[in-house]
Amino acid sequence: MSHTLKPGVVTGDDYQTLLKAAKEGQYAMPAVNAVSTSSVNAVMEAAAKNKSDVIIQLSNGGAQFYAGQGCPDSFEAKVLGAVSAAHHVHLLAEHYGICAILHTDHANKALIPWVEALIGYSEDHFSKTGKPLFTSHMLDLSAEDIDFNLSECARLLKRMAPIGMSLEIELGVTGGEEDGVGSDDDIGADNPLLYTQPEDCLRAYELLSPIGHFSLAASFGNVHGVYKPGNVKLRPEILKASQALVDETHGTGVNPLDLVFHGGSGSEKDKISDAISYGVFKMNIDTDTQFAFSKAIGSYVNDNPKAFLYQVDPEDGTPYKKQYDPRKILRGAETSMVERLDEAFADLGSVGKTLAQ
């Protein structure tokens, strides 16, 4: 059954419609970390270009940077930066003609107050508009005891569900470090923590699904960042086993869990395809888009070296204003990020699949 949605930020039932379309259509949406209007705009441009829906997300540090590094209170900056970015997307996503999901990335135990503060802004937005400000938040308590992890997830979901918000949780550990959460010390194909147990996924389903909608980042050897070959071993068959256990126990039908692939940068294409077939609707990408953005800036500086040393050429008097105009530099970075996202949309099979009408 085909569905269409109004362009703009998607929340509540519309979010679940988008998610179900992805799972039924055997594709996933990239979840791109953004830190500025330039990166947010590049994501929306790429989604419109590829006729795909997209997930725009901010880490706590990305949100703080969005507010401005000069903002004196770092906690308040993390909150206000995320709120500002959300309003930016609400204002422009409809104009780009795309369906955008607004999400915040990894929040560990220390960042629970950050998520709670943002939920407060969504509650206020809901009271005024009938929609939350954000589509979903991630609570990553995978470093904590599973009892605490799931009980805190349940506590927050009880607050989020009534305003149409979803919660993303993590079971097992995504290796590497992502904006201050995690460590490179846990990377290695022999680390059992990098592989989530299906029984834990069943437990999460049984506790959380009666409360509201949740998605699950189940670890199957994935890590943040890009590492040398052989250091990381992806085993997406773990996702298949988790889905099967929930189905066998509760008779849900195929792929009942809404799964998330963290650490997507640098992953093998066949492992991405396997993960999607096992119910992954979302794959995070940050490292590769960071590199694409910055590489373009480096290339531009190398191609126009004098423009970054002189306003006017000391030898022939040539003015370099057009070359060092920040818009010129940032536009090249945005274009490079869009090109990398072209590859991501293609890898995930979402090109041309937008529900926006």
Protein backbone atom coordinates (compact mmCIF):
# COMPACT_ATOMS: atom_id res chain seq x y z
CA MET A 1 0.00 0.00 0.00
CA SER A 2 1.46 3.33 -1.02
CA HIS A 3 1.39 6.36 1.24
CA THR A 4 2.12 10.01 0.72
CA LEU A 5 3.02 12.62 3.31
CA LYS A 6 3.14 16.37 3.36
CA PRO A 7 6.72 17.71 3.05
CA GLY A 8 8.25 18.96 6.28
CA VAL A 9 9.30 17.55 9.64
CA VAL A 10 7.64 14.18 10.20
CA THR A 11 6.52 13.07 13.69
CA GLY A 12 4.15 10.63 15.36
CA ASP A 13 2.07 8.42 13.08
CA ASP A 14 3.66 9.99 9.98
CA TYR A 15 7.09 8.97 11.24
CA GLN A 16 5.93 5.39 11.67
CA THR A 17 4.40 5.49 8.18
CA LEU A 18 7.78 6.56 6.80
CA LEU A 19 9.56 3.89 8.77
CA LYS A 20 7.20 1.12 7.67
CA ALA A 21 7.55 2.18 4.04
CA ALA A 22 11.32 1.84 4.35
CA LYS A 23 11.15 -1.62 5.89
CA GLU A 24 8.56 -2.88 3.44
CA GLY A 25 10.46 -1.35 0.53
CA GLN A 26 13.77 -2.84 1.70
CA TYR A 27 15.60 0.49 1.94
CA ALA A 28 16.94 2.66 4.74
CA MET A 29 17.37 6.37 5.32
CA PRO A 30 20.70 8.01 6.15
CA ALA A 31 20.82 9.75 9.53
CA VAL A 32 23.30 12.56 9.05
CA ASN A 33 24.96 14.41 11.90
CA ALA A 34 24.89 18.17 11.40
CA VAL A 35 26.72 20.97 13.22
CA SER A 36 25.73 24.14 11.36
CA THR A 37 23.27 25.65 8.93
CA SER A 38 25.69 24.68 6.15
CA SER A 39 25.63 20.99 7.03
CA VAL A 40 21.87 20.98 7.71
CA ASN A 41 21.23 22.66 4.35
CA ALA A 42 23.53 20.20 2.57
CA VAL A 43 21.54 17.30 4.00
CA MET A 44 18.23 18.81 2.86
CA GLU A 45 19.68 19.61 -0.57
CA ALA A 46 20.95 16.05 -0.97
CA ALA A 47 17.58 14.59 0.07
CA ALA A 48 15.73 16.78 -2.41
CA LYS A 49 18.24 15.95 -5.17
CA ASN A 50 17.87 12.20 -4.54
CA LYS A 51 14.11 12.34 -3.94
CA SER A 52 14.63 10.58 -0.65
CA ASP A 53 13.47 11.22 2.87
CA VAL A 54 16.20 11.80 5.43
CA ILE A 55 17.06 11.93 9.12
CA ILE A 56 18.83 15.03 10.42
CA GLN A 57 20.43 14.56 13.81
CA LEU A 58 22.58 16.45 16.27
CA SER A 59 24.95 15.18 18.91
CA ASN A 60 25.29 17.18 22.11
CA GLY A 61 28.52 18.74 20.85
CA GLY A 62 27.02 19.43 17.43
CA ALA A 63 24.13 21.21 19.12
CA GLN A 64 26.51 23.26 21.25
CA PHE A 65 28.48 24.27 18.14
CA TYR A 66 25.22 25.21 16.39
CA ALA A 67 24.48 27.63 19.23
CA GLY A 68 27.95 29.13 18.90
CA GLN A 69 31.15 28.29 20.73
CA GLY A 70 30.94 31.67 22.44
CA CYS A 71 27.70 30.76 24.23
CA PRO A 72 28.81 30.87 27.88
CA ASP A 73 26.75 28.06 29.44
CA SER A 74 27.67 24.81 27.72
CA PHE A 75 24.59 22.89 28.91
CA GLU A 76 22.24 25.66 27.87
CA ALA A 77 24.09 25.93 24.56
CA LYS A 78 23.57 22.22 23.93
CA VAL A 79 19.86 22.66 24.53
CA LEU A 80 19.37 25.92 22.64
CA GLY A 81 21.56 24.85 19.72
CA ALA A 82 19.44 21.74 19.21
CA VAL A 83 16.24 23.78 19.50
CA SER A 84 17.54 26.36 17.02
CA ALA A 85 18.51 23.68 14.50
CA ALA A 86 15.09 22.06 14.87
CA HIS A 87 13.31 25.33 14.13
CA HIS A 88 15.59 25.84 11.11
CA VAL A 89 14.54 22.46 9.69
CA HIS A 90 10.86 23.04 10.51
CA LEU A 91 11.03 26.30 8.56
CA LEU A 92 12.88 24.99 5.50
CA ALA A 93 12.21 21.25 5.00
CA GLU A 94 8.80 21.92 3.47
CA HIS A 95 10.43 24.42 1.10
CA TYR A 96 12.94 21.75 0.01
CA GLY A 97 10.02 19.38 -0.64
CA ILE A 98 11.30 16.60 1.59
CA CYS A 99 10.16 14.64 4.61
CA ALA A 100 12.72 15.16 7.37
CA ILE A 101 13.03 13.30 10.66
CA LEU A 102 14.58 15.34 13.48
CA HIS A 103 16.66 13.34 15.92
CA THR A 104 19.36 13.73 18.54
CA ASP A 105 22.26 11.29 18.65
CA HIS A 106 23.98 9.42 21.52
CA ALA A 107 23.07 10.70 24.97
CA ASN A 108 24.72 8.76 27.76
CA LYS A 109 23.82 8.81 31.48
CA ALA A 110 25.40 12.22 32.02
CA LEU A 111 23.31 13.65 29.17
CA ILE A 112 19.91 12.46 30.38
CA PRO A 113 19.15 16.04 31.58
CA TRP A 114 19.89 17.29 28.05
CA VAL A 115 17.30 14.93 26.57
CA GLU A 116 14.80 15.82 29.30
CA ALA A 117 15.25 19.54 28.59
CA LEU A 118 14.65 18.97 24.88
CA ILE A 119 11.53 16.93 25.62
CA GLY A 120 10.29 19.97 27.51
CA TYR A 121 10.67 22.07 24.36
CA SER A 122 8.77 19.44 22.38
CA GLU A 123 5.99 19.41 24.96
CA ASP A 124 5.70 23.18 24.62
CA HIS A 125 5.72 22.96 20.82
CA PHE A 126 3.08 20.22 20.96
CA SER A 127 0.81 22.37 23.10
CA LYS A 128 1.00 25.13 20.48
CA THR A 129 1.02 23.17 17.22
CA GLY A 130 -0.10 19.61 17.94
CA LYS A 131 3.36 18.32 16.96
CA PRO A 132 6.55 17.82 18.98
CA LEU A 133 9.63 19.82 18.03
CA PHE A 134 11.70 16.67 17.53
CA THR A 135 10.68 13.36 16.02
CA SER A 136 12.82 11.30 18.37
CA HIS A 137 15.77 11.28 20.73
CA MET A 138 18.42 8.67 21.44
CA LEU A 139 19.17 7.52 24.95
CA ASP A 140 22.39 5.52 24.85
CA LEU A 141 22.79 3.80 28.22
CA SER A 142 24.61 0.80 26.74
CA ALA A 143 27.55 1.39 29.09
CA GLU A 144 25.24 0.96 32.09
CA ASP A 145 23.60 -2.10 33.63
CA ILE A 146 20.78 -3.32 31.38
CA ASP A 147 18.21 -2.94 34.18
CA PHE A 148 19.05 0.76 34.51
CA ASN A 149 19.25 1.15 30.73
CA LEU A 150 15.77 -0.20 30.10
CA SER A 151 14.10 1.34 33.15
CA GLU A 152 15.34 4.83 32.20
CA CYS A 153 14.26 4.28 28.60
CA ALA A 154 10.81 3.29 29.84
CA ARG A 155 10.63 6.34 32.12
CA LEU A 156 11.40 8.76 29.30
CA LEU A 157 9.24 6.98 26.73
CA LYS A 158 6.24 7.34 29.07
CA ARG A 159 6.76 11.09 28.82
CA MET A 160 7.45 11.14 25.08
CA ALA A 161 4.75 8.82 23.75
CA PRO A 162 1.77 11.07 24.59
CA ILE A 163 3.14 13.83 22.32
CA GLY A 164 3.97 11.49 19.44
CA MET A 165 7.70 11.14 20.02
CA SER A 166 9.81 8.04 19.53
CA LEU A 167 12.84 6.89 21.54
CA GLU A 168 15.95 5.25 20.14
CA ILE A 169 17.80 2.97 22.56
CA GLU A 170 21.06 1.05 22.38
CA LEU A 171 21.81 -2.48 23.52
CA GLY A 172 25.37 -3.71 23.33
CA VAL A 173 28.12 -1.23 22.60
CA THR A 174 28.88 0.57 19.36
CA GLY A 175 32.66 0.65 19.36
CA GLY A 176 34.75 3.78 19.09
CA GLU A 177 34.05 7.31 20.22
CA GLU A 178 31.29 9.66 19.05
CA ASP A 179 31.47 13.22 20.32
CA GLY A 180 32.68 12.34 23.79
CA VAL A 181 30.59 9.18 24.19
CA GLY A 182 32.49 5.88 24.09
CA SER A 183 36.15 5.02 23.54
CA ASP A 184 38.45 3.65 20.86
CA ASP A 185 39.74 1.16 23.45
CA ASP A 186 36.77 -1.16 22.95
CA ILE A 187 37.33 -1.75 19.23
CA GLY A 188 38.25 -5.26 18.17
CA ALA A 189 36.59 -8.23 16.52
CA ASP A 190 36.97 -10.26 19.73
CA ASN A 191 35.03 -7.90 22.03
CA PRO A 192 31.74 -9.64 22.99
CA LEU A 193 30.20 -6.32 24.06
CA LEU A 194 30.11 -5.31 20.40
CA TYR A 195 27.53 -8.03 19.72
CA THR A 196 24.06 -7.63 21.22
CA GLN A 197 22.30 -10.72 22.57
CA PRO A 198 18.90 -11.47 20.99
CA GLU A 199 17.47 -12.15 24.46
CA ASP A 200 18.19 -8.55 25.44
CA CYS A 201 16.35 -7.30 22.34
CA LEU A 202 13.33 -9.41 23.30
CA ARG A 203 13.40 -7.96 26.80
CA ALA A 204 13.45 -4.41 25.41
CA TYR A 205 10.54 -5.19 23.10
CA GLU A 206 8.45 -6.63 25.91
CA LEU A 207 9.04 -3.65 28.20
CA LEU A 208 8.90 -0.74 25.76
CA SER A 209 6.46 -1.62 22.98
CA PRO A 210 3.41 -1.42 25.28
CA ILE A 211 4.47 2.13 26.23
CA GLY A 212 5.14 3.67 22.85
CA HIS A 213 7.26 3.54 19.73
CA PHE A 214 10.96 2.82 20.04
CA SER A 215 13.80 1.97 17.71
CA LEU A 216 16.80 -0.13 18.61
CA ALA A 217 20.48 0.28 17.89
CA ALA A 218 21.56 -3.33 18.35
CA SER A 219 25.30 -3.78 18.06
CA PHE A 220 26.57 -6.32 15.57
CA GLY A 221 30.25 -5.37 15.59
CA ASN A 222 29.71 -1.84 14.27
CA VAL A 223 31.92 1.05 15.34
CA HIS A 224 32.02 4.81 14.94
CA GLY A 225 34.56 6.13 12.47
CA VAL A 226 36.67 4.41 9.85
CA TYR A 227 39.36 1.92 10.86
CA LYS A 228 41.87 -0.29 9.12
CA PRO A 229 40.50 -3.46 7.47
CA GLY A 230 40.23 -6.49 9.76
CA ASN A 231 39.94 -4.46 12.93
CA VAL A 232 36.16 -4.57 12.79
CA LYS A 233 33.98 -7.57 11.94
CA LEU A 234 30.32 -6.89 11.18
CA ARG A 235 27.89 -9.74 11.90
CA PRO A 236 24.44 -8.54 10.77
CA GLU A 237 23.09 -12.07 11.22
CA ILE A 238 22.75 -11.09 14.90
CA LEU A 239 19.97 -8.73 13.82
CA LYS A 240 18.24 -11.58 12.01
CA ALA A 241 18.37 -13.75 15.14
CA SER A 242 16.96 -10.95 17.30
CA GLN A 243 14.04 -10.38 14.93
CA ALA A 244 13.33 -14.11 14.79
CA LEU A 245 13.28 -14.46 18.58
CA VAL A 246 10.71 -11.67 19.00
CA ASP A 247 8.57 -13.10 16.20
CA GLU A 248 8.72 -16.64 17.59
CA THR A 249 7.86 -15.46 21.10
CA HIS A 250 5.04 -13.07 20.25
CA GLY A 251 3.88 -14.01 16.74
CA THR A 252 4.53 -10.51 15.46
CA GLY A 253 5.39 -11.32 11.88
CA VAL A 254 8.68 -10.67 10.10
CA ASN A 255 11.14 -8.02 11.39
CA PRO A 256 9.08 -6.60 14.28
CA LEU A 257 11.97 -4.53 15.66
CA ASP A 258 12.77 -1.18 14.07
CA LEU A 259 16.54 -1.37 13.90
CA VAL A 260 19.25 1.26 13.55
CA PHE A 261 22.76 0.83 12.11
CA HIS A 262 25.29 2.96 13.99
CA GLY A 263 28.83 3.45 12.75
CA GLY A 264 27.85 3.25 9.09
CA SER A 265 30.86 5.16 7.74
CA GLY A 266 33.32 2.86 6.00
CA SER A 267 31.06 -0.21 6.18
CA GLU A 268 31.08 -2.86 3.45
CA LYS A 269 28.23 -2.47 0.96
CA ASP A 270 27.08 -6.10 1.29
CA LYS A 271 26.86 -5.81 5.07
CA ILE A 272 24.71 -2.70 4.66
CA SER A 273 22.37 -4.61 2.34
CA ASP A 274 22.17 -7.55 4.76
CA ALA A 275 21.37 -5.25 7.67
CA ILE A 276 18.55 -3.58 5.71
CA SER A 277 17.04 -6.99 4.89
CA TYR A 278 16.94 -7.71 8.63
CA GLY A 279 14.88 -4.63 9.46
CA VAL A 280 17.32 -1.72 9.59
CA PHE A 281 15.56 1.49 8.48
CA LYS A 282 18.21 4.02 9.55
CA MET A 283 21.98 4.18 9.12
CA ASN A 284 24.07 6.84 10.80
CA ILE A 285 26.70 8.68 8.81
CA ASP A 286 29.02 11.30 10.26
CA THR A 287 32.69 10.52 9.74
CA ASP A 288 32.43 10.24 5.95
CA THR A 289 30.39 13.42 5.57
CA GLN A 290 32.77 15.31 7.86
CA PHE A 291 35.65 14.25 5.63
CA ALA A 292 33.80 15.21 2.44
CA PHE A 293 32.99 18.66 3.86
CA SER A 294 36.54 19.33 5.05
CA LYS A 295 38.29 17.80 2.05
CA ALA A 296 36.62 20.31 -0.25
CA ILE A 297 37.82 23.19 1.90
CA GLY A 298 41.37 21.85 1.87
CA SER A 299 41.30 21.44 -1.91
CA TYR A 300 39.99 24.95 -2.39
CA VAL A 301 42.73 26.44 -0.20
CA ASN A 302 45.36 24.46 -2.10
CA ASP A 303 43.95 25.70 -5.41
CA ASN A 304 43.84 29.34 -4.28
CA PRO A 305 46.79 29.68 -1.89
CA LYS A 306 47.37 33.41 -2.32
CA ALA A 307 43.75 34.23 -1.48
CA PHE A 308 44.41 32.95 2.04
CA LEU A 309 47.58 34.96 2.47
CA TYR A 310 46.69 38.30 0.88
CA GLN A 311 43.61 40.36 0.24
CA VAL A 312 45.43 41.84 -2.77
CA ASP A 313 48.26 40.10 -4.64
CA PRO A 314 51.51 41.88 -3.62
CA GLU A 315 53.02 41.33 -7.07
CA ASP A 316 50.31 42.25 -9.57
CA GLY A 317 47.61 43.84 -7.41
CA THR A 318 44.95 41.22 -8.14
CA PRO A 319 42.15 41.44 -5.54
CA TYR A 320 41.18 38.11 -3.99
CA LYS A 321 37.86 39.08 -2.42
CA LYS A 322 35.84 36.70 -4.58
CA GLN A 323 38.12 33.81 -3.68
CA TYR A 324 38.11 34.26 0.10
CA ASP A 325 34.40 35.06 0.35
CA PRO A 326 33.22 32.53 3.00
CA ARG A 327 30.21 31.69 0.86
CA LYS A 328 32.52 30.42 -1.88
CA ILE A 329 34.43 28.19 0.52
CA LEU A 330 31.39 26.87 2.38
CA ARG A 331 29.43 26.24 -0.82
CA GLY A 332 32.19 23.99 -2.08
CA ALA A 333 32.10 22.09 1.20
CA GLU A 334 28.33 21.72 1.01
CA THR A 335 28.53 20.46 -2.57
CA SER A 336 31.12 17.86 -1.59
CA MET A 337 28.94 16.72 1.31
CA VAL A 338 25.96 16.41 -1.05
CA GLU A 339 28.05 14.24 -3.39
CA ARG A 340 28.99 11.91 -0.53
CA LEU A 341 25.34 11.70 0.47
CA ASP A 342 24.45 10.76 -3.12
CA GLU A 343 26.50 7.63 -2.46
CA ALA A 344 24.80 7.03 0.89
CA PHE A 345 21.28 7.28 -0.55
CA ALA A 346 22.29 4.86 -3.31
CA ASP A 347 23.88 2.39 -0.88
CA LEU A 348 20.73 2.41 1.25
CA GLY A 349 18.39 2.01 -1.72
CA SER A 350 16.34 5.10 -0.88
CA VAL A 351 16.82 7.10 -4.09
CA GLY A 352 13.43 8.10 -5.48
CA LYS A 353 11.56 6.63 -2.52
CA THR A 354 10.37 9.84 -0.84
CA LEU A 355 6.81 9.87 0.44
CA ALA A 356 6.66 13.67 0.18
CA GLN A 357 3.93 14.88 -2.14
